[in-house]
């Protein structure tokens, strides 16, 4: 067993973490995984080779559009 820490995407924002284990599977309804959350989770790793995915995921997660409220704030 190896000691580890757990972070939410909100808490990990701005952090560089040497090894990350990420669960990007579709969460149960009514929860939703945003593109922003995916970006934060994947970009906090120091390099691509240190990212491990916990389980399979639906590739369509990366093909969705941003939430309307975020797009509206960007305009």
Protein backbone atom coordinates (compact mmCIF):
# COMPACT_ATOMS: atom_id res chain seq x y z
CA UNK A 1 0.00 0.00 0.00
CA UNK A 2 1.24 3.49 -0.89
CA UNK A 3 0.27 6.66 0.90
CA UNK A 4 -1.53 9.13 -1.36
CA UNK A 5 -3.64 12.27 -1.39
CA UNK A 6 -6.99 12.89 -3.00
CA UNK A 7 -7.87 16.22 -4.63
CA UNK A 8 -10.91 17.61 -6.33
CA UNK A 9 -10.30 19.37 -9.63
CA UNK A 10 -11.05 22.65 -7.83
CA UNK A 11 -8.40 22.00 -5.17
CA UNK A 12 -5.81 20.75 -7.68
CA UNK A 13 -6.10 23.86 -9.86
CA UNK A 14 -2.70 25.53 -10.15
CA UNK A 15 -0.88 22.58 -8.58
CA UNK A 16 1.79 20.45 -10.23
CA UNK A 17 1.49 16.86 -9.06
CA UNK A 18 4.22 14.37 -10.01
CA UNK A 19 1.92 11.33 -10.46
CA UNK A 20 -1.82 11.50 -10.97
CA UNK A 21 -4.54 8.85 -11.02
CA UNK A 22 -7.65 10.31 -12.63
CA UNK A 23 -11.20 9.02 -12.82
CA UNK A 24 -12.84 10.67 -15.84
CA UNK A 25 -15.67 8.19 -16.25
CA UNK A 26 -19.11 9.71 -16.63
CA UNK A 27 -20.43 10.44 -13.12
CA UNK A 28 -23.91 9.30 -12.09
CA UNK A 29 -26.80 11.67 -12.82
CA UNK A 30 -27.42 14.50 -12.04
CA UNK A 31 -23.68 15.23 -11.81
CA UNK A 32 -21.77 16.30 -14.88
CA UNK A 33 -18.09 16.39 -15.80
CA UNK A 34 -17.20 19.64 -17.55
CA UNK A 35 -14.43 20.22 -20.08
CA UNK A 36 -12.86 22.60 -17.57
CA UNK A 37 -12.72 19.83 -14.95
CA UNK A 38 -11.14 17.47 -17.47
CA UNK A 39 -8.53 20.07 -18.40
CA UNK A 40 -7.60 20.78 -14.79
CA UNK A 41 -7.38 17.09 -13.90
CA UNK A 42 -5.18 16.25 -16.88
CA UNK A 43 -2.98 19.36 -16.85
CA UNK A 44 -1.91 19.20 -13.19
CA UNK A 45 0.47 16.34 -13.98
CA UNK A 46 4.12 17.23 -14.52
CA UNK A 47 4.26 15.06 -17.67
CA UNK A 48 2.03 12.88 -19.81
CA UNK A 49 3.77 9.65 -18.82
CA UNK A 50 2.83 10.15 -15.15
CA UNK A 51 -0.93 10.21 -15.80
CA UNK A 52 -2.90 7.04 -15.09
CA UNK A 53 -6.61 6.68 -15.80
CA UNK A 54 -8.59 4.76 -13.21
CA UNK A 55 -10.95 3.12 -15.72
CA UNK A 56 -12.26 3.33 -19.26
CA UNK A 57 -14.14 6.46 -20.27
CA UNK A 58 -16.39 7.66 -23.05
CA UNK A 59 -14.28 9.59 -25.60
CA UNK A 60 -17.35 11.76 -26.32
CA UNK A 61 -16.55 13.61 -23.08
CA UNK A 62 -13.89 15.53 -25.02
CA UNK A 63 -16.18 16.34 -27.95
CA UNK A 64 -18.88 18.19 -26.04
CA UNK A 65 -19.23 21.94 -26.21
CA UNK A 66 -18.59 24.14 -23.21
CA UNK A 67 -21.44 24.97 -20.88
CA UNK A 68 -23.61 27.86 -22.10
CA UNK A 69 -22.90 29.89 -18.94
CA UNK A 70 -19.12 29.74 -19.54
CA UNK A 71 -19.52 30.69 -23.19
CA UNK A 72 -21.73 33.62 -22.22
CA UNK A 73 -19.11 34.89 -19.73
CA UNK A 74 -16.45 34.69 -22.46
CA UNK A 75 -18.36 37.00 -24.82
